[in-house]
């Protein structure tokens, strides 16, 4: 089973408000989570690189990542976040985000045949949030 090449959209969530309340000083993460949900597609370029395609009705962003290596991403507000993707297993993709203010977040995507569960955690709280996705293509 491979999640690569499939397009996913957000369909639900658990504990997002609780996580954001616990991380009250992490406005950058809150902005990412509250933003208009994009569709997302991961493409494997080779054994060490992936391509990430994010699209909303009004904007498309595409990024290439070398697995395990930090990449700086410029956000719409001009700030820079640092992102690292790693493949934990054939159906788990981990993402670590370091915000400009020093705060961080860990995203673990667990892919099923037709869905994905994104588990978000942050070092400053024991609360986790889960966002659910379904395959649309």
N, C-alpha and C. Protein backbone atom coordinates (compact mmCIF):
# COMPACT_ATOMS: atom_id res chain seq x y z
N UNK A 1 0.84 -1.18 0.00
CA UNK A 1 0.00 0.00 0.00
C UNK A 1 0.89 1.24 0.00
N UNK A 2 0.62 2.16 -0.88
CA UNK A 2 1.39 3.40 -0.90
C UNK A 2 0.44 4.59 -0.91
N UNK A 3 0.80 5.58 -0.13
CA UNK A 3 0.01 6.81 -0.10
C UNK A 3 0.50 7.80 -1.14
N UNK A 4 1.66 7.53 -1.72
CA UNK A 4 2.22 8.45 -2.70
C UNK A 4 1.34 8.52 -3.94
N UNK A 5 1.14 9.75 -4.43
CA UNK A 5 0.36 9.96 -5.63
C UNK A 5 -1.13 10.12 -5.39
N UNK A 6 -1.59 9.91 -4.16
CA UNK A 6 -3.01 10.08 -3.83
C UNK A 6 -3.24 11.48 -3.30
N UNK A 7 -4.41 12.03 -3.62
CA UNK A 7 -4.78 13.36 -3.14
C UNK A 7 -5.73 13.21 -1.95
N UNK A 8 -5.46 13.95 -0.88
CA UNK A 8 -6.24 13.86 0.36
C UNK A 8 -6.88 15.19 0.69
N UNK A 9 -8.07 15.13 1.33
CA UNK A 9 -8.70 16.34 1.85
C UNK A 9 -9.14 16.09 3.29
N UNK A 10 -9.14 17.16 4.07
CA UNK A 10 -9.52 17.09 5.48
C UNK A 10 -11.02 16.86 5.61
N UNK A 11 -11.41 15.93 6.49
CA UNK A 11 -12.83 15.64 6.68
C UNK A 11 -13.29 15.71 8.13
N UNK A 12 -12.37 15.87 9.05
CA UNK A 12 -12.77 15.95 10.46
C UNK A 12 -11.57 16.11 11.37
N UNK A 13 -11.87 16.28 12.67
CA UNK A 13 -10.77 16.43 13.63
C UNK A 13 -11.26 16.16 15.04
N UNK A 14 -10.32 15.87 15.93
CA UNK A 14 -10.56 15.69 17.36
C UNK A 14 -9.51 16.47 18.13
N UNK A 15 -9.92 17.15 19.20
CA UNK A 15 -9.02 17.83 20.14
C UNK A 15 -8.24 19.00 19.56
N UNK A 16 -8.59 19.50 18.41
CA UNK A 16 -7.83 20.62 17.84
C UNK A 16 -7.94 21.86 18.72
N UNK A 17 -9.14 22.19 19.15
CA UNK A 17 -9.32 23.38 19.99
C UNK A 17 -8.60 23.23 21.32
N UNK A 18 -8.61 22.02 21.88
CA UNK A 18 -7.92 21.77 23.14
C UNK A 18 -6.40 21.94 22.99
N UNK A 19 -5.86 21.43 21.89
CA UNK A 19 -4.43 21.58 21.63
C UNK A 19 -4.06 23.05 21.45
N UNK A 20 -4.87 23.77 20.70
CA UNK A 20 -4.58 25.19 20.47
C UNK A 20 -4.69 26.00 21.76
N UNK A 21 -5.64 25.65 22.62
CA UNK A 21 -5.77 26.34 23.91
C UNK A 21 -4.55 26.06 24.79
N UNK A 22 -4.07 24.83 24.77
CA UNK A 22 -2.90 24.46 25.58
C UNK A 22 -1.63 25.13 25.06
N UNK A 23 -1.61 25.39 23.77
CA UNK A 23 -0.44 26.02 23.13
C UNK A 23 -0.73 27.49 22.86
N UNK A 24 -1.31 28.17 23.81
CA UNK A 24 -1.84 29.52 23.62
C UNK A 24 -0.83 30.52 23.06
N UNK A 25 0.44 30.28 23.27
CA UNK A 25 1.44 31.21 22.75
C UNK A 25 1.99 30.78 21.39
N UNK A 26 1.45 29.74 20.82
CA UNK A 26 1.96 29.24 19.54
C UNK A 26 1.01 29.64 18.41
N UNK A 27 0.93 30.93 18.17
CA UNK A 27 0.00 31.46 17.16
C UNK A 27 0.34 30.99 15.75
N UNK A 28 1.59 30.73 15.47
CA UNK A 28 1.94 30.29 14.12
C UNK A 28 1.37 28.90 13.83
N UNK A 29 1.44 28.00 14.82
CA UNK A 29 0.83 26.69 14.63
C UNK A 29 -0.68 26.82 14.52
N UNK A 30 -1.26 27.67 15.34
CA UNK A 30 -2.71 27.89 15.29
C UNK A 30 -3.13 28.37 13.90
N UNK A 31 -2.35 29.26 13.31
CA UNK A 31 -2.68 29.77 11.98
C UNK A 31 -2.61 28.65 10.93
N UNK A 32 -1.63 27.77 11.05
CA UNK A 32 -1.52 26.65 10.12
C UNK A 32 -2.74 25.73 10.23
N UNK A 33 -3.13 25.40 11.46
CA UNK A 33 -4.25 24.48 11.67
C UNK A 33 -5.58 25.11 11.29
N UNK A 34 -5.75 26.40 11.57
CA UNK A 34 -7.03 27.06 11.29
C UNK A 34 -7.20 27.48 9.83
N UNK A 35 -6.13 27.44 9.07
CA UNK A 35 -6.21 27.89 7.68
C UNK A 35 -7.19 27.05 6.88
N UNK A 36 -7.64 27.60 5.78
CA UNK A 36 -8.55 26.86 4.90
C UNK A 36 -7.90 25.54 4.54
N UNK A 37 -8.56 24.43 4.81
CA UNK A 37 -7.93 23.13 4.60
C UNK A 37 -7.55 22.90 3.13
N UNK A 38 -6.28 22.66 2.88
CA UNK A 38 -5.87 22.38 1.51
C UNK A 38 -6.07 20.90 1.18
N UNK A 39 -6.07 20.60 -0.09
CA UNK A 39 -5.87 19.21 -0.47
C UNK A 39 -4.36 19.02 -0.48
N UNK A 40 -3.93 17.80 -0.23
CA UNK A 40 -2.50 17.54 -0.15
C UNK A 40 -2.17 16.25 -0.89
N UNK A 41 -1.05 16.27 -1.58
CA UNK A 41 -0.60 15.10 -2.31
C UNK A 41 0.91 14.97 -2.13
N UNK A 42 1.36 13.78 -1.80
CA UNK A 42 2.78 13.49 -1.67
C UNK A 42 3.21 12.64 -2.85
N UNK A 43 4.32 13.00 -3.47
CA UNK A 43 4.88 12.23 -4.59
C UNK A 43 6.29 11.84 -4.23
N UNK A 44 6.63 10.58 -4.42
CA UNK A 44 8.00 10.12 -4.15
C UNK A 44 8.82 10.36 -5.41
N UNK A 45 9.85 11.19 -5.30
CA UNK A 45 10.70 11.52 -6.44
C UNK A 45 11.79 10.47 -6.63
N UNK A 46 12.35 10.00 -5.53
CA UNK A 46 13.32 8.91 -5.54
C UNK A 46 13.41 8.39 -4.11
N UNK A 47 14.39 7.56 -3.81
CA UNK A 47 14.48 6.92 -2.49
C UNK A 47 14.67 7.93 -1.36
N UNK A 48 15.12 9.14 -1.67
CA UNK A 48 15.45 10.10 -0.63
C UNK A 48 14.70 11.42 -0.72
N UNK A 49 13.84 11.60 -1.73
CA UNK A 49 13.18 12.88 -1.93
C UNK A 49 11.68 12.71 -2.16
N UNK A 50 10.90 13.66 -1.61
CA UNK A 50 9.46 13.70 -1.85
C UNK A 50 9.07 15.10 -2.32
N UNK A 51 7.93 15.15 -3.01
CA UNK A 51 7.33 16.40 -3.46
C UNK A 51 6.00 16.52 -2.73
N UNK A 52 5.73 17.72 -2.18
CA UNK A 52 4.47 17.97 -1.48
C UNK A 52 3.71 19.04 -2.24
N UNK A 53 2.46 18.74 -2.59
CA UNK A 53 1.59 19.66 -3.34
C UNK A 53 0.41 20.00 -2.43
N UNK A 54 0.26 21.28 -2.08
CA UNK A 54 -0.85 21.77 -1.27
C UNK A 54 -1.67 22.73 -2.11
N UNK A 55 -2.99 22.55 -2.12
CA UNK A 55 -3.82 23.44 -2.95
C UNK A 55 -5.12 23.79 -2.23
N UNK A 56 -5.46 25.09 -2.26
CA UNK A 56 -6.77 25.56 -1.84
C UNK A 56 -7.44 26.15 -3.07
N UNK A 57 -8.63 26.71 -2.89
CA UNK A 57 -9.33 27.32 -4.02
C UNK A 57 -8.54 28.49 -4.62
N UNK A 58 -7.74 29.16 -3.78
CA UNK A 58 -7.08 30.38 -4.26
C UNK A 58 -5.55 30.33 -4.26
N UNK A 59 -4.96 29.22 -3.82
CA UNK A 59 -3.51 29.19 -3.76
C UNK A 59 -2.98 27.76 -3.88
N UNK A 60 -1.84 27.61 -4.54
CA UNK A 60 -1.15 26.33 -4.63
C UNK A 60 0.29 26.52 -4.19
N UNK A 61 0.76 25.62 -3.36
CA UNK A 61 2.16 25.63 -2.93
C UNK A 61 2.75 24.25 -3.18
N UNK A 62 3.97 24.23 -3.69
CA UNK A 62 4.65 22.97 -3.97
C UNK A 62 6.07 23.05 -3.41
N UNK A 63 6.48 21.96 -2.79
CA UNK A 63 7.80 21.91 -2.17
C UNK A 63 8.43 20.55 -2.41
N UNK A 64 9.74 20.54 -2.58
CA UNK A 64 10.52 19.30 -2.64
C UNK A 64 11.32 19.21 -1.35
N UNK A 65 11.34 18.02 -0.76
CA UNK A 65 12.07 17.78 0.47
C UNK A 65 13.01 16.59 0.30
N UNK A 66 14.19 16.70 0.85
CA UNK A 66 15.08 15.56 1.01
C UNK A 66 14.72 14.98 2.37
N UNK A 67 14.34 13.71 2.40
CA UNK A 67 13.93 13.08 3.65
C UNK A 67 15.05 13.18 4.68
N UNK A 68 14.68 13.59 5.88
CA UNK A 68 15.64 13.70 6.97
C UNK A 68 16.45 14.98 6.99
N UNK A 69 16.26 15.85 6.01
CA UNK A 69 17.00 17.11 5.97
C UNK A 69 16.06 18.30 6.18
N UNK A 70 16.54 19.26 6.94
CA UNK A 70 15.77 20.46 7.23
C UNK A 70 15.68 21.36 6.00
N UNK A 71 14.48 21.91 5.78
CA UNK A 71 14.26 22.85 4.67
C UNK A 71 13.55 24.07 5.24
N UNK A 72 13.98 25.25 4.83
CA UNK A 72 13.31 26.48 5.23
C UNK A 72 12.20 26.79 4.24
N UNK A 73 11.04 27.14 4.79
CA UNK A 73 9.86 27.48 3.99
C UNK A 73 9.42 28.88 4.37
N UNK A 74 9.25 29.74 3.38
CA UNK A 74 8.76 31.09 3.63
C UNK A 74 7.23 31.06 3.60
N UNK A 75 6.62 31.49 4.69
CA UNK A 75 5.16 31.52 4.78
C UNK A 75 4.62 32.79 4.14
N UNK A 76 3.31 32.85 3.96
CA UNK A 76 2.66 34.01 3.33
C UNK A 76 2.94 35.31 4.07
N UNK A 77 3.12 35.23 5.40
CA UNK A 77 3.38 36.45 6.18
C UNK A 77 4.85 36.86 6.15
N UNK A 78 5.68 36.11 5.42
CA UNK A 78 7.09 36.42 5.30
C UNK A 78 7.99 35.73 6.31
N UNK A 79 7.41 35.13 7.33
CA UNK A 79 8.23 34.43 8.33
C UNK A 79 8.74 33.10 7.74
N UNK A 80 9.78 32.60 8.35
CA UNK A 80 10.41 31.36 7.89
C UNK A 80 10.20 30.27 8.92
N UNK A 81 9.69 29.13 8.48
CA UNK A 81 9.62 27.95 9.33
C UNK A 81 10.60 26.92 8.78
N UNK A 82 11.04 26.04 9.65
CA UNK A 82 11.95 24.96 9.25
C UNK A 82 11.18 23.66 9.35
N UNK A 83 11.27 22.85 8.29
CA UNK A 83 10.48 21.62 8.19
C UNK A 83 11.40 20.46 7.86
N UNK A 84 11.14 19.33 8.53
CA UNK A 84 11.84 18.08 8.23
C UNK A 84 10.80 16.99 8.06
N UNK A 85 10.87 16.25 6.96
CA UNK A 85 10.04 15.07 6.73
C UNK A 85 10.91 13.83 6.86
N UNK A 86 10.36 12.79 7.48
CA UNK A 86 11.02 11.48 7.51
C UNK A 86 9.97 10.40 7.29
N UNK A 87 10.35 9.34 6.60
CA UNK A 87 9.48 8.17 6.46
C UNK A 87 9.76 7.26 7.65
N UNK A 88 8.76 7.11 8.51
CA UNK A 88 8.92 6.23 9.66
C UNK A 88 8.74 4.77 9.25
N UNK A 89 7.78 4.55 8.34
CA UNK A 89 7.53 3.22 7.79
C UNK A 89 6.83 3.40 6.45
N UNK A 90 6.44 2.31 5.83
CA UNK A 90 5.81 2.43 4.50
C UNK A 90 4.48 3.14 4.53
N UNK A 91 3.84 3.27 5.69
CA UNK A 91 2.56 3.98 5.75
C UNK A 91 2.55 5.10 6.80
N UNK A 92 3.73 5.50 7.29
CA UNK A 92 3.80 6.58 8.26
C UNK A 92 4.83 7.61 7.80
N UNK A 93 4.37 8.86 7.70
CA UNK A 93 5.24 9.97 7.32
C UNK A 93 5.24 10.99 8.45
N UNK A 94 6.43 11.27 8.99
CA UNK A 94 6.57 12.22 10.09
C UNK A 94 7.04 13.57 9.57
N UNK A 95 6.56 14.62 10.23
CA UNK A 95 6.94 15.98 9.87
C UNK A 95 7.20 16.76 11.16
N UNK A 96 8.35 17.41 11.22
CA UNK A 96 8.72 18.24 12.36
C UNK A 96 8.78 19.68 11.86
N UNK A 97 8.12 20.59 12.59
CA UNK A 97 8.10 22.00 12.21
C UNK A 97 8.68 22.83 13.34
N UNK A 98 9.65 23.68 13.02
CA UNK A 98 10.23 24.60 13.99
C UNK A 98 9.82 26.02 13.57
N UNK A 99 9.13 26.70 14.47
CA UNK A 99 8.63 28.03 14.20
C UNK A 99 9.73 29.08 14.48
N UNK A 100 9.59 30.30 13.93
CA UNK A 100 10.59 31.34 14.17
C UNK A 100 10.74 31.70 15.65
N UNK A 101 9.69 31.53 16.44
CA UNK A 101 9.75 31.86 17.87
C UNK A 101 10.37 30.74 18.71
N UNK A 102 10.86 29.69 18.06
CA UNK A 102 11.49 28.58 18.77
C UNK A 102 10.55 27.45 19.14
N UNK A 103 9.27 27.67 19.00
CA UNK A 103 8.29 26.62 19.29
C UNK A 103 8.34 25.58 18.19
N UNK A 104 7.87 24.36 18.51
CA UNK A 104 7.89 23.30 17.51
C UNK A 104 6.61 22.49 17.57
N UNK A 105 6.38 21.71 16.53
CA UNK A 105 5.23 20.81 16.45
C UNK A 105 5.67 19.56 15.70
N UNK A 106 5.06 18.45 16.06
CA UNK A 106 5.35 17.17 15.43
C UNK A 106 4.06 16.66 14.82
N UNK A 107 4.10 16.36 13.51
CA UNK A 107 2.94 15.83 12.79
C UNK A 107 3.28 14.41 12.35
N UNK A 108 2.45 13.46 12.73
CA UNK A 108 2.61 12.07 12.26
C UNK A 108 1.40 11.72 11.42
N UNK A 109 1.64 11.41 10.15
CA UNK A 109 0.57 10.98 9.24
C UNK A 109 0.59 9.46 9.13
N UNK A 110 -0.52 8.84 9.49
CA UNK A 110 -0.66 7.39 9.39
C UNK A 110 -1.67 7.12 8.27
N UNK A 111 -1.19 6.53 7.20
CA UNK A 111 -2.00 6.33 6.00
C UNK A 111 -2.63 4.95 5.98
N UNK A 112 -3.93 4.94 5.65
CA UNK A 112 -4.64 3.70 5.35
C UNK A 112 -4.81 3.62 3.84
N UNK A 113 -5.57 2.64 3.41
CA UNK A 113 -5.78 2.47 1.97
C UNK A 113 -6.52 3.66 1.35
N UNK A 114 -7.52 4.21 2.06
CA UNK A 114 -8.33 5.31 1.51
C UNK A 114 -8.43 6.50 2.45
N UNK A 115 -7.56 6.56 3.47
CA UNK A 115 -7.65 7.64 4.44
C UNK A 115 -6.29 7.92 5.06
N UNK A 116 -6.28 8.96 5.88
CA UNK A 116 -5.06 9.33 6.60
C UNK A 116 -5.47 9.95 7.93
N UNK A 117 -4.71 9.63 8.95
CA UNK A 117 -4.92 10.22 10.27
C UNK A 117 -3.66 11.01 10.60
N UNK A 118 -3.80 12.30 10.83
CA UNK A 118 -2.70 13.19 11.17
C UNK A 118 -2.76 13.48 12.67
N UNK A 119 -1.72 13.05 13.40
CA UNK A 119 -1.66 13.25 14.84
C UNK A 119 -0.66 14.37 15.11
N UNK A 120 -1.11 15.41 15.80
CA UNK A 120 -0.29 16.58 16.07
C UNK A 120 0.05 16.63 17.55
N UNK A 121 1.32 16.79 17.85
CA UNK A 121 1.74 16.95 19.24
C UNK A 121 2.75 18.08 19.33
N UNK A 122 2.88 18.61 20.55
CA UNK A 122 3.80 19.71 20.80
C UNK A 122 4.48 19.46 22.13
N UNK A 123 5.76 19.82 22.25
CA UNK A 123 6.48 19.51 23.48
C UNK A 123 5.94 20.19 24.73
N UNK A 124 5.26 21.32 24.59
CA UNK A 124 4.81 22.04 25.78
C UNK A 124 3.49 21.53 26.36
N UNK A 125 2.88 20.52 25.75
CA UNK A 125 1.63 19.97 26.27
C UNK A 125 1.54 18.47 25.98
N UNK A 126 0.82 17.77 26.83
CA UNK A 126 0.60 16.34 26.61
C UNK A 126 -0.64 16.09 25.74
N UNK A 127 -1.37 17.13 25.41
CA UNK A 127 -2.57 17.01 24.58
C UNK A 127 -2.15 16.79 23.13
N UNK A 128 -2.83 15.86 22.47
CA UNK A 128 -2.62 15.67 21.03
C UNK A 128 -3.93 15.94 20.31
N UNK A 129 -3.81 16.33 19.06
CA UNK A 129 -4.98 16.54 18.20
C UNK A 129 -4.87 15.58 17.03
N UNK A 130 -6.01 15.19 16.50
CA UNK A 130 -6.03 14.30 15.34
C UNK A 130 -6.89 14.95 14.26
N UNK A 131 -6.35 14.99 13.05
CA UNK A 131 -7.09 15.49 11.89
C UNK A 131 -7.24 14.32 10.92
N UNK A 132 -8.45 14.15 10.40
CA UNK A 132 -8.76 13.02 9.52
C UNK A 132 -8.87 13.49 8.08
N UNK A 133 -8.32 12.68 7.17
CA UNK A 133 -8.33 12.95 5.73
C UNK A 133 -8.90 11.75 5.00
N UNK A 134 -9.46 12.01 3.81
CA UNK A 134 -9.90 10.94 2.93
C UNK A 134 -9.28 11.15 1.55
N UNK A 135 -9.11 10.05 0.84
CA UNK A 135 -8.59 10.12 -0.52
C UNK A 135 -9.70 10.64 -1.43
N UNK A 136 -9.34 11.61 -2.29
CA UNK A 136 -10.34 12.12 -3.25
C UNK A 136 -9.94 11.80 -4.68
N UNK A 137 -8.71 11.39 -4.92
CA UNK A 137 -8.28 10.98 -6.26
C UNK A 137 -7.25 9.89 -6.13
